[in-house]
């Protein structure tokens, strides 16, 4: 544990990784203790060391527009539109079912998440917290992207019921054989989009959630509303986890947000700020259709 927490490679391991390593050590030593292999489970006598918390990285408004433009013909386009407008975790997106979308009311119900098992298989299960169960009003551009995804899924015969074992016809995001998209494949697609957009920041797929929080804050959305969107217990959690990333975005967005009330985020939770999305082909097309 010293090598992990205080050694030369200490900064390499996140807090979650340190926790998992400590748990494995405790279980291994407990197994040996029961069988007389070790005299004492010393790992169980100490508290879990607090490893460094990885700071999230946020896209700027211009970079967010570039991502949406680049992903226009990408099979995962709808995932990126969703992630940049509604603060969601990767598992919530990859586990999103079509039945959770209320097209008439323009709402998305987050009620399950995709989890990767130790053996490499995937299962649909509970969200991270009870507060993560939420209903969010989606912007028309999000619904448009989802419709394109649905049409592509139909045309390519993706997720046909009974076509293959392990398929789920209700999932929004599936691979070409109808199975849930593996997290590694989702990360690979994300890195390709970043490269195509010319963005060199070491952004994780999870950083789309950080970006969504930052952009909403830059648009003047109250922290309490952002907490509800993100599925946090309260605004204090949102402030503690994301506040450090919000400050530089707020400063850089000062000029972007200088506009009339029509440029501010609407009162419906989940709508994307017009000033942030201005210039994106999808957003421009939506504006023309709504005029």
C-alpha atoms as a PDB file:
ATOM      1  CA  UNK A   1       0.000   0.000   0.000  1.00  0.00           C
ATOM      2  CA  UNK A   2       2.955   2.343   0.609  1.00  0.00           C
ATOM      3  CA  UNK A   3       4.070   1.879  -2.982  1.00  0.00           C
ATOM      4  CA  UNK A   4       0.583   2.762  -4.192  1.00  0.00           C
ATOM      5  CA  UNK A   5      -0.084   5.742  -1.922  1.00  0.00           C
ATOM      6  CA  UNK A   6       3.369   7.175  -1.216  1.00  0.00           C
ATOM      7  CA  UNK A   7       5.718   5.619  -3.735  1.00  0.00           C
ATOM      8  CA  UNK A   8       7.062   7.149  -6.945  1.00  0.00           C
ATOM      9  CA  UNK A   9       3.936   6.143  -8.897  1.00  0.00           C
ATOM     10  CA  UNK A  10       1.433   7.324  -6.283  1.00  0.00           C
ATOM     11  CA  UNK A  11      -0.100   9.965  -8.550  1.00  0.00           C
ATOM     12  CA  UNK A  12      -0.883   7.302 -11.146  1.00  0.00           C
ATOM     13  CA  UNK A  13      -3.630   5.719  -9.039  1.00  0.00           C
ATOM     14  CA  UNK A  14      -7.019   7.340  -8.470  1.00  0.00           C
ATOM     15  CA  UNK A  15      -8.921   7.230  -5.202  1.00  0.00           C
ATOM     16  CA  UNK A  16     -11.258   4.539  -6.563  1.00  0.00           C
ATOM     17  CA  UNK A  17      -8.303   2.392  -7.670  1.00  0.00           C
ATOM     18  CA  UNK A  18      -6.669   2.644  -4.233  1.00  0.00           C
ATOM     19  CA  UNK A  19      -9.965   1.610  -2.618  1.00  0.00           C
ATOM     20  CA  UNK A  20     -10.310  -1.424  -4.891  1.00  0.00           C
ATOM     21  CA  UNK A  21      -6.705  -2.513  -4.299  1.00  0.00           C
ATOM     22  CA  UNK A  22      -7.178  -2.244  -0.541  1.00  0.00           C
ATOM     23  CA  UNK A  23     -10.350  -4.341  -0.737  1.00  0.00           C
ATOM     24  CA  UNK A  24      -8.561  -7.058  -2.736  1.00  0.00           C
ATOM     25  CA  UNK A  25      -5.697  -7.121  -0.238  1.00  0.00           C
ATOM     26  CA  UNK A  26      -8.105  -7.465   2.695  1.00  0.00           C
ATOM     27  CA  UNK A  27      -9.958 -10.324   1.041  1.00  0.00           C
ATOM     28  CA  UNK A  28      -6.757 -12.126   0.072  1.00  0.00           C
ATOM     29  CA  UNK A  29      -5.294 -11.856   3.558  1.00  0.00           C
ATOM     30  CA  UNK A  30      -8.620 -12.872   5.110  1.00  0.00           C
ATOM     31  CA  UNK A  31      -8.546 -16.004   2.947  1.00  0.00           C
ATOM     32  CA  UNK A  32      -4.989 -16.748   4.078  1.00  0.00           C
ATOM     33  CA  UNK A  33      -5.800 -16.027   7.713  1.00  0.00           C
ATOM     34  CA  UNK A  34      -8.659 -18.549   7.720  1.00  0.00           C
ATOM     35  CA  UNK A  35      -6.344 -21.209   6.351  1.00  0.00           C
ATOM     36  CA  UNK A  36      -3.405 -20.460   8.602  1.00  0.00           C
ATOM     37  CA  UNK A  37      -1.290 -19.045   5.802  1.00  0.00           C
ATOM     38  CA  UNK A  38      -0.856 -15.674   7.532  1.00  0.00           C
ATOM     39  CA  UNK A  39      -0.962 -14.815  11.196  1.00  0.00           C
ATOM     40  CA  UNK A  40      -2.969 -11.637  10.913  1.00  0.00           C
ATOM     41  CA  UNK A  41      -4.940  -9.660   8.343  1.00  0.00           C
ATOM     42  CA  UNK A  42      -2.975  -6.440   8.666  1.00  0.00           C
ATOM     43  CA  UNK A  43      -4.819  -4.858   5.724  1.00  0.00           C
ATOM     44  CA  UNK A  44      -8.053  -5.058   7.691  1.00  0.00           C
ATOM     45  CA  UNK A  45      -6.495  -3.190  10.613  1.00  0.00           C
ATOM     46  CA  UNK A  46      -5.881   0.028   8.678  1.00  0.00           C
ATOM     47  CA  UNK A  47      -8.173   2.523   7.044  1.00  0.00           C
ATOM     48  CA  UNK A  48      -8.314   2.765   3.279  1.00  0.00           C
ATOM     49  CA  UNK A  49      -5.716   5.343   2.181  1.00  0.00           C
ATOM     50  CA  UNK A  50      -7.100   8.340   0.361  1.00  0.00           C
ATOM     51  CA  UNK A  51      -5.579   8.405  -3.060  1.00  0.00           C
ATOM     52  CA  UNK A  52      -5.548  11.544  -5.205  1.00  0.00           C
ATOM     53  CA  UNK A  53      -8.884  12.575  -6.694  1.00  0.00           C
ATOM     54  CA  UNK A  54      -8.620  12.966 -10.444  1.00  0.00           C
ATOM     55  CA  UNK A  55      -9.609  16.450 -11.462  1.00  0.00           C
ATOM     56  CA  UNK A  56     -12.185  16.532 -14.223  1.00  0.00           C
ATOM     57  CA  UNK A  57     -11.475  18.425 -17.428  1.00  0.00           C
ATOM     58  CA  UNK A  58     -14.083  20.496 -19.202  1.00  0.00           C
ATOM     59  CA  UNK A  59     -14.496  21.399 -22.834  1.00  0.00           C
ATOM     60  CA  UNK A  60     -14.889  25.065 -23.673  1.00  0.00           C
ATOM     61  CA  UNK A  61     -18.087  26.159 -25.476  1.00  0.00           C
ATOM     62  CA  UNK A  62     -16.153  26.334 -28.759  1.00  0.00           C
ATOM     63  CA  UNK A  63     -14.779  22.831 -28.247  1.00  0.00           C
ATOM     64  CA  UNK A  64     -18.247  21.537 -27.381  1.00  0.00           C
ATOM     65  CA  UNK A  65     -19.569  22.948 -30.662  1.00  0.00           C
ATOM     66  CA  UNK A  66     -16.661  21.334 -32.491  1.00  0.00           C
ATOM     67  CA  UNK A  67     -17.479  17.942 -30.936  1.00  0.00           C
ATOM     68  CA  UNK A  68     -21.121  18.179 -32.026  1.00  0.00           C
ATOM     69  CA  UNK A  69     -20.118  19.168 -35.551  1.00  0.00           C
ATOM     70  CA  UNK A  70     -17.531  16.401 -35.837  1.00  0.00           C
ATOM     71  CA  UNK A  71     -19.894  13.744 -34.465  1.00  0.00           C
ATOM     72  CA  UNK A  72     -22.707  14.651 -36.884  1.00  0.00           C
ATOM     73  CA  UNK A  73     -22.394  11.407 -38.888  1.00  0.00           C
ATOM     74  CA  UNK A  74     -21.015   9.298 -36.055  1.00  0.00           C
ATOM     75  CA  UNK A  75     -23.137   6.352 -34.835  1.00  0.00           C
ATOM     76  CA  UNK A  76     -22.665   7.701 -31.301  1.00  0.00           C
ATOM     77  CA  UNK A  77     -23.778  11.238 -32.180  1.00  0.00           C
ATOM     78  CA  UNK A  78     -26.889  11.071 -29.989  1.00  0.00           C
ATOM     79  CA  UNK A  79     -24.786  10.007 -26.996  1.00  0.00           C
ATOM     80  CA  UNK A  80     -22.555  13.067 -27.327  1.00  0.00           C
ATOM     81  CA  UNK A  81     -25.507  15.428 -27.771  1.00  0.00           C
ATOM     82  CA  UNK A  82     -27.133  13.931 -24.688  1.00  0.00           C
ATOM     83  CA  UNK A  83     -23.959  14.030 -22.626  1.00  0.00           C
ATOM     84  CA  UNK A  84     -23.165  17.657 -23.469  1.00  0.00           C
ATOM     85  CA  UNK A  85     -26.649  18.941 -22.646  1.00  0.00           C
ATOM     86  CA  UNK A  86     -27.629  16.722 -19.698  1.00  0.00           C
ATOM     87  CA  UNK A  87     -25.018  15.810 -17.042  1.00  0.00           C
ATOM     88  CA  UNK A  88     -25.071  12.022 -17.242  1.00  0.00           C
ATOM     89  CA  UNK A  89     -22.697   9.198 -16.392  1.00  0.00           C
ATOM     90  CA  UNK A  90     -21.460   6.898 -19.200  1.00  0.00           C
ATOM     91  CA  UNK A  91     -23.333   3.929 -17.730  1.00  0.00           C
ATOM     92  CA  UNK A  92     -26.583   5.902 -17.689  1.00  0.00           C
ATOM     93  CA  UNK A  93     -26.185   6.699 -21.372  1.00  0.00           C
ATOM     94  CA  UNK A  94     -25.141   3.239 -22.521  1.00  0.00           C
ATOM     95  CA  UNK A  95     -27.980   1.720 -20.487  1.00  0.00           C
ATOM     96  CA  UNK A  96     -30.647   4.115 -21.747  1.00  0.00           C
ATOM     97  CA  UNK A  97     -33.686   2.240 -23.178  1.00  0.00           C
ATOM     98  CA  UNK A  98     -36.030   3.551 -25.849  1.00  0.00           C
ATOM     99  CA  UNK A  99     -38.927   2.991 -23.470  1.00  0.00           C
ATOM    100  CA  UNK A 100     -37.441   5.653 -21.174  1.00  0.00           C
ATOM    101  CA  UNK A 101     -37.994   8.388 -23.777  1.00  0.00           C
ATOM    102  CA  UNK A 102     -41.336  10.182 -23.706  1.00  0.00           C
ATOM    103  CA  UNK A 103     -41.463  11.626 -27.212  1.00  0.00           C
ATOM    104  CA  UNK A 104     -44.756  13.424 -26.668  1.00  0.00           C
ATOM    105  CA  UNK A 105     -43.574  15.354 -23.609  1.00  0.00           C
ATOM    106  CA  UNK A 106     -39.944  15.559 -24.656  1.00  0.00           C
ATOM    107  CA  UNK A 107     -38.729  13.868 -21.476  1.00  0.00           C
ATOM    108  CA  UNK A 108     -36.055  11.293 -20.728  1.00  0.00           C
ATOM    109  CA  UNK A 109     -36.392   8.987 -17.720  1.00  0.00           C
ATOM    110  CA  UNK A 110     -33.093   7.853 -16.233  1.00  0.00           C
ATOM    111  CA  UNK A 111     -33.845   4.681 -14.275  1.00  0.00           C
ATOM    112  CA  UNK A 112     -31.093   2.156 -15.059  1.00  0.00           C
ATOM    113  CA  UNK A 113     -27.421   1.944 -15.994  1.00  0.00           C
ATOM    114  CA  UNK A 114     -25.162  -0.437 -17.857  1.00  0.00           C
ATOM    115  CA  UNK A 115     -22.572  -2.194 -15.696  1.00  0.00           C
ATOM    116  CA  UNK A 116     -19.524  -4.180 -16.813  1.00  0.00           C
ATOM    117  CA  UNK A 117     -18.960  -7.403 -14.903  1.00  0.00           C
ATOM    118  CA  UNK A 118     -15.620  -8.891 -13.947  1.00  0.00           C
ATOM    119  CA  UNK A 119     -15.936 -11.530 -16.677  1.00  0.00           C
ATOM    120  CA  UNK A 120     -16.393  -8.891 -19.378  1.00  0.00           C
ATOM    121  CA  UNK A 121     -20.152  -9.317 -19.757  1.00  0.00           C
ATOM    122  CA  UNK A 122     -22.647  -6.486 -19.280  1.00  0.00           C
ATOM    123  CA  UNK A 123     -25.770  -6.230 -17.189  1.00  0.00           C
ATOM    124  CA  UNK A 124     -28.404  -3.567 -16.722  1.00  0.00           C
ATOM    125  CA  UNK A 125     -28.790  -2.566 -13.104  1.00  0.00           C
ATOM    126  CA  UNK A 126     -29.448   0.180 -10.633  1.00  0.00           C
ATOM    127  CA  UNK A 127     -28.168   3.718 -10.952  1.00  0.00           C
ATOM    128  CA  UNK A 128     -25.343   4.904  -8.728  1.00  0.00           C
ATOM    129  CA  UNK A 129     -27.675   6.550  -6.205  1.00  0.00           C
ATOM    130  CA  UNK A 130     -31.394   6.843  -5.578  1.00  0.00           C
ATOM    131  CA  UNK A 131     -31.182  10.522  -6.537  1.00  0.00           C
ATOM    132  CA  UNK A 132     -29.887   9.467  -9.951  1.00  0.00           C
ATOM    133  CA  UNK A 133     -33.415   8.338 -10.844  1.00  0.00           C
ATOM    134  CA  UNK A 134     -34.709  11.455 -12.533  1.00  0.00           C
ATOM    135  CA  UNK A 135     -36.882  12.769 -15.342  1.00  0.00           C
ATOM    136  CA  UNK A 136     -35.241  15.425 -17.497  1.00  0.00           C
ATOM    137  CA  UNK A 137     -36.825  17.598 -20.180  1.00  0.00           C
ATOM    138  CA  UNK A 138     -34.699  17.254 -23.315  1.00  0.00           C
ATOM    139  CA  UNK A 139     -34.051  19.982 -25.851  1.00  0.00           C
ATOM    140  CA  UNK A 140     -35.492  19.389 -29.356  1.00  0.00           C
ATOM    141  CA  UNK A 141     -31.962  19.009 -30.738  1.00  0.00           C
ATOM    142  CA  UNK A 142     -31.461  16.068 -28.370  1.00  0.00           C
ATOM    143  CA  UNK A 143     -34.698  14.458 -29.508  1.00  0.00           C
ATOM    144  CA  UNK A 144     -33.736  15.018 -33.148  1.00  0.00           C
ATOM    145  CA  UNK A 145     -30.404  13.243 -32.579  1.00  0.00           C
ATOM    146  CA  UNK A 146     -32.216  10.370 -30.867  1.00  0.00           C
ATOM    147  CA  UNK A 147     -34.626  10.059 -33.797  1.00  0.00           C
ATOM    148  CA  UNK A 148     -31.693   9.828 -36.191  1.00  0.00           C
ATOM    149  CA  UNK A 149     -30.223   7.140 -33.982  1.00  0.00           C
ATOM    150  CA  UNK A 150     -33.508   5.245 -33.985  1.00  0.00           C
ATOM    151  CA  UNK A 151     -33.788   5.452 -37.780  1.00  0.00           C
ATOM    152  CA  UNK A 152     -30.201   4.242 -38.217  1.00  0.00           C
ATOM    153  CA  UNK A 153     -30.829   1.379 -35.820  1.00  0.00           C
ATOM    154  CA  UNK A 154     -33.843   0.319 -37.860  1.00  0.00           C
ATOM    155  CA  UNK A 155     -32.127   0.613 -41.238  1.00  0.00           C
ATOM    156  CA  UNK A 156     -29.070  -1.345 -40.111  1.00  0.00           C
ATOM    157  CA  UNK A 157     -31.226  -3.981 -38.433  1.00  0.00           C
ATOM    158  CA  UNK A 158     -29.474  -3.303 -35.148  1.00  0.00           C
ATOM    159  CA  UNK A 159     -30.912  -4.880 -32.012  1.00  0.00           C
ATOM    160  CA  UNK A 160     -33.486  -7.078 -33.747  1.00  0.00           C
ATOM    161  CA  UNK A 161     -35.336  -9.165 -31.107  1.00  0.00           C
ATOM    162  CA  UNK A 162     -34.027 -12.710 -31.053  1.00  0.00           C
ATOM    163  CA  UNK A 163     -31.314 -12.049 -33.625  1.00  0.00           C
ATOM    164  CA  UNK A 164     -28.547 -13.096 -31.267  1.00  0.00           C
ATOM    165  CA  UNK A 165     -28.075 -14.098 -27.662  1.00  0.00           C
ATOM    166  CA  UNK A 166     -27.359 -11.159 -25.433  1.00  0.00           C
ATOM    167  CA  UNK A 167     -29.074  -8.568 -27.599  1.00  0.00           C
ATOM    168  CA  UNK A 168     -31.429  -5.994 -26.138  1.00  0.00           C
ATOM    169  CA  UNK A 169     -33.888  -4.457 -28.637  1.00  0.00           C
ATOM    170  CA  UNK A 170     -34.830  -1.703 -26.198  1.00  0.00           C
ATOM    171  CA  UNK A 171     -31.371  -0.188 -25.749  1.00  0.00           C
ATOM    172  CA  UNK A 172     -30.711   3.093 -27.547  1.00  0.00           C
ATOM    173  CA  UNK A 173     -26.989   2.464 -27.968  1.00  0.00           C
ATOM    174  CA  UNK A 174     -26.000  -0.959 -29.253  1.00  0.00           C
ATOM    175  CA  UNK A 175     -23.227  -2.386 -31.371  1.00  0.00           C
ATOM    176  CA  UNK A 176     -23.789  -3.676 -34.903  1.00  0.00           C
ATOM    177  CA  UNK A 177     -24.803  -7.088 -33.556  1.00  0.00           C
ATOM    178  CA  UNK A 178     -27.407  -5.645 -31.206  1.00  0.00           C
ATOM    179  CA  UNK A 179     -25.419  -6.125 -28.023  1.00  0.00           C
ATOM    180  CA  UNK A 180     -24.745  -3.382 -25.442  1.00  0.00           C
ATOM    181  CA  UNK A 181     -21.791  -1.207 -26.391  1.00  0.00           C
ATOM    182  CA  UNK A 182     -18.691  -2.144 -24.427  1.00  0.00           C
ATOM    183  CA  UNK A 183     -17.215   0.698 -22.386  1.00  0.00           C
ATOM    184  CA  UNK A 184     -13.834   0.180 -24.059  1.00  0.00           C
ATOM    185  CA  UNK A 185     -15.423   0.575 -27.506  1.00  0.00           C
ATOM    186  CA  UNK A 186     -17.263   3.700 -26.332  1.00  0.00           C
ATOM    187  CA  UNK A 187     -13.978   5.189 -25.112  1.00  0.00           C
ATOM    188  CA  UNK A 188     -12.315   4.282 -28.409  1.00  0.00           C
ATOM    189  CA  UNK A 189     -15.038   6.077 -30.369  1.00  0.00           C
ATOM    190  CA  UNK A 190     -14.730   9.094 -28.065  1.00  0.00           C
ATOM    191  CA  UNK A 191     -10.973   9.332 -28.608  1.00  0.00           C
ATOM    192  CA  UNK A 192     -11.516   9.172 -32.372  1.00  0.00           C
ATOM    193  CA  UNK A 193     -14.029  12.046 -32.205  1.00  0.00           C
ATOM    194  CA  UNK A 194     -11.609  14.099 -30.097  1.00  0.00           C
ATOM    195  CA  UNK A 195      -8.825  13.528 -32.603  1.00  0.00           C
ATOM    196  CA  UNK A 196     -11.059  14.408 -35.543  1.00  0.00           C
ATOM    197  CA  UNK A 197     -12.105  17.622 -33.769  1.00  0.00           C
ATOM    198  CA  UNK A 198      -8.470  18.539 -33.174  1.00  0.00           C
ATOM    199  CA  UNK A 199      -8.804  18.484 -29.381  1.00  0.00           C
ATOM    200  CA  UNK A 200      -5.686  17.251 -27.603  1.00  0.00           C
ATOM    201  CA  UNK A 201      -6.912  17.437 -24.005  1.00  0.00           C
ATOM    202  CA  UNK A 202      -6.766  14.084 -22.163  1.00  0.00           C
ATOM    203  CA  UNK A 203     -10.544  13.937 -21.812  1.00  0.00           C
ATOM    204  CA  UNK A 204     -12.320  10.855 -20.510  1.00  0.00           C
ATOM    205  CA  UNK A 205     -15.809   9.950 -21.614  1.00  0.00           C
ATOM    206  CA  UNK A 206     -16.875  10.903 -18.080  1.00  0.00           C
ATOM    207  CA  UNK A 207     -15.574  14.434 -18.673  1.00  0.00           C
ATOM    208  CA  UNK A 208     -18.598  15.045 -20.886  1.00  0.00           C
ATOM    209  CA  UNK A 209     -20.569  15.092 -17.618  1.00  0.00           C
ATOM    210  CA  UNK A 210     -18.119  17.628 -16.199  1.00  0.00           C
ATOM    211  CA  UNK A 211     -18.495  19.706 -19.360  1.00  0.00           C
ATOM    212  CA  UNK A 212     -22.296  19.655 -19.187  1.00  0.00           C
ATOM    213  CA  UNK A 213     -22.211  20.915 -15.599  1.00  0.00           C
ATOM    214  CA  UNK A 214     -19.731  23.620 -16.547  1.00  0.00           C
ATOM    215  CA  UNK A 215     -21.716  24.809 -19.573  1.00  0.00           C
ATOM    216  CA  UNK A 216     -24.946  24.909 -17.589  1.00  0.00           C
ATOM    217  CA  UNK A 217     -23.263  26.949 -14.887  1.00  0.00           C
ATOM    218  CA  UNK A 218     -21.763  29.267 -17.508  1.00  0.00           C
ATOM    219  CA  UNK A 219     -25.274  29.798 -18.850  1.00  0.00           C
ATOM    220  CA  UNK A 220     -26.449  30.987 -15.450  1.00  0.00           C
ATOM    221  CA  UNK A 221     -28.377  27.914 -14.352  1.00  0.00           C
ATOM    222  CA  UNK A 222     -28.707  27.810 -10.525  1.00  0.00           C
ATOM    223  CA  UNK A 223     -26.529  25.241  -8.809  1.00  0.00           C
ATOM    224  CA  UNK A 224     -29.601  23.587  -7.268  1.00  0.00           C
ATOM    225  CA  UNK A 225     -31.055  22.941 -10.733  1.00  0.00           C
ATOM    226  CA  UNK A 226     -27.728  21.578 -11.989  1.00  0.00           C
ATOM    227  CA  UNK A 227     -27.650  19.209  -9.014  1.00  0.00           C
ATOM    228  CA  UNK A 228     -31.107  17.927  -9.946  1.00  0.00           C
ATOM    229  CA  UNK A 229     -30.031  17.442 -13.552  1.00  0.00           C
ATOM    230  CA  UNK A 230     -26.893  15.575 -12.514  1.00  0.00           C
ATOM    231  CA  UNK A 231     -28.770  13.383 -10.053  1.00  0.00           C
ATOM    232  CA  UNK A 232     -26.854  14.629  -7.032  1.00  0.00           C
ATOM    233  CA  UNK A 233     -28.175  14.453  -3.500  1.00  0.00           C
ATOM    234  CA  UNK A 234     -27.936  18.230  -3.107  1.00  0.00           C
ATOM    235  CA  UNK A 235     -26.133  21.270  -4.471  1.00  0.00           C
ATOM    236  CA  UNK A 236     -23.304  20.838  -1.951  1.00  0.00           C
ATOM    237  CA  UNK A 237     -22.220  17.640  -3.710  1.00  0.00           C
ATOM    238  CA  UNK A 238     -22.206  19.402  -7.074  1.00  0.00           C
ATOM    239  CA  UNK A 239     -20.194  22.308  -5.681  1.00  0.00           C
ATOM    240  CA  UNK A 240     -17.669  20.035  -3.983  1.00  0.00           C
ATOM    241  CA  UNK A 241     -17.080  17.799  -7.002  1.00  0.00           C
ATOM    242  CA  UNK A 242     -17.245  20.288  -9.884  1.00  0.00           C
ATOM    243  CA  UNK A 243     -16.639  23.796  -8.574  1.00  0.00           C
ATOM    244  CA  UNK A 244     -12.900  23.755  -9.387  1.00  0.00           C
ATOM    245  CA  UNK A 245     -13.688  23.002 -12.999  1.00  0.00           C
ATOM    246  CA  UNK A 246     -16.438  25.606 -13.254  1.00  0.00           C
ATOM    247  CA  UNK A 247     -14.310  28.655 -12.498  1.00  0.00           C
ATOM    248  CA  UNK A 248     -12.150  28.736 -15.670  1.00  0.00           C
ATOM    249  CA  UNK A 249     -15.171  27.944 -17.834  1.00  0.00           C
ATOM    250  CA  UNK A 250     -17.155  30.768 -16.270  1.00  0.00           C
ATOM    251  CA  UNK A 251     -14.364  33.203 -17.069  1.00  0.00           C
ATOM    252  CA  UNK A 252     -13.874  32.019 -20.621  1.00  0.00           C
ATOM    253  CA  UNK A 253     -17.615  32.029 -21.260  1.00  0.00           C
ATOM    254  CA  UNK A 254     -18.086  35.635 -20.118  1.00  0.00           C
ATOM    255  CA  UNK A 255     -18.018  36.953 -23.649  1.00  0.00           C
ATOM    256  CA  UNK A 256     -20.082  34.077 -24.989  1.00  0.00           C
ATOM    257  CA  UNK A 257     -22.853  34.692 -22.504  1.00  0.00           C
ATOM    258  CA  UNK A 258     -23.133  38.426 -23.176  1.00  0.00           C
ATOM    259  CA  UNK A 259     -26.516  38.545 -24.796  1.00  0.00           C
ATOM    260  CA  UNK A 260     -30.180  39.025 -24.148  1.00  0.00           C
ATOM    261  CA  UNK A 261     -32.451  36.819 -22.110  1.00  0.00           C
ATOM    262  CA  UNK A 262     -33.156  34.708 -25.181  1.00  0.00           C
ATOM    263  CA  UNK A 263     -29.553  33.516 -25.021  1.00  0.00           C
ATOM    264  CA  UNK A 264     -29.875  32.219 -21.480  1.00  0.00           C
ATOM    265  CA  UNK A 265     -30.805  28.670 -20.645  1.00  0.00           C
ATOM    266  CA  UNK A 266     -34.534  28.024 -20.522  1.00  0.00           C
ATOM    267  CA  UNK A 267     -36.376  27.102 -17.375  1.00  0.00           C
ATOM    268  CA  UNK A 268     -36.929  23.538 -18.560  1.00  0.00           C
ATOM    269  CA  UNK A 269     -34.278  21.284 -17.114  1.00  0.00           C
ATOM    270  CA  UNK A 270     -31.977  19.818 -19.702  1.00  0.00           C
ATOM    271  CA  UNK A 271     -32.233  22.444 -22.436  1.00  0.00           C
ATOM    272  CA  UNK A 272     -28.988  23.555 -24.038  1.00  0.00           C
ATOM    273  CA  UNK A 273     -28.030  27.261 -24.028  1.00  0.00           C
ATOM    274  CA  UNK A 274     -28.418  28.858 -27.439  1.00  0.00           C
ATOM    275  CA  UNK A 275     -25.247  30.933 -27.008  1.00  0.00           C
ATOM    276  CA  UNK A 276     -23.170  27.810 -26.415  1.00  0.00           C
ATOM    277  CA  UNK A 277     -24.636  25.850 -29.319  1.00  0.00           C
ATOM    278  CA  UNK A 278     -24.699  28.784 -31.756  1.00  0.00           C
ATOM    279  CA  UNK A 279     -22.762  27.921 -34.877  1.00  0.00           C
ATOM    280  CA  UNK A 280     -23.303  24.186 -34.631  1.00  0.00           C
ATOM    281  CA  UNK A 281     -25.005  22.903 -37.827  1.00  0.00           C
ATOM    282  CA  UNK A 282     -27.472  20.820 -35.820  1.00  0.00           C
ATOM    283  CA  UNK A 283     -28.471  23.761 -33.669  1.00  0.00           C
ATOM    284  CA  UNK A 284     -28.748  26.092 -36.677  1.00  0.00           C
ATOM    285  CA  UNK A 285     -30.949  23.577 -38.490  1.00  0.00           C
ATOM    286  CA  UNK A 286     -33.161  23.255 -35.439  1.00  0.00           C
ATOM    287  CA  UNK A 287     -33.542  27.029 -35.208  1.00  0.00           C
ATOM    288  CA  UNK A 288     -34.665  27.161 -38.837  1.00  0.00           C
ATOM    289  CA  UNK A 289     -37.245  24.454 -38.282  1.00  0.00           C
ATOM    290  CA  UNK A 290     -38.657  26.188 -35.190  1.00  0.00           C
ATOM    291  CA  UNK A 291     -38.958  29.630 -36.743  1.00  0.00           C
END
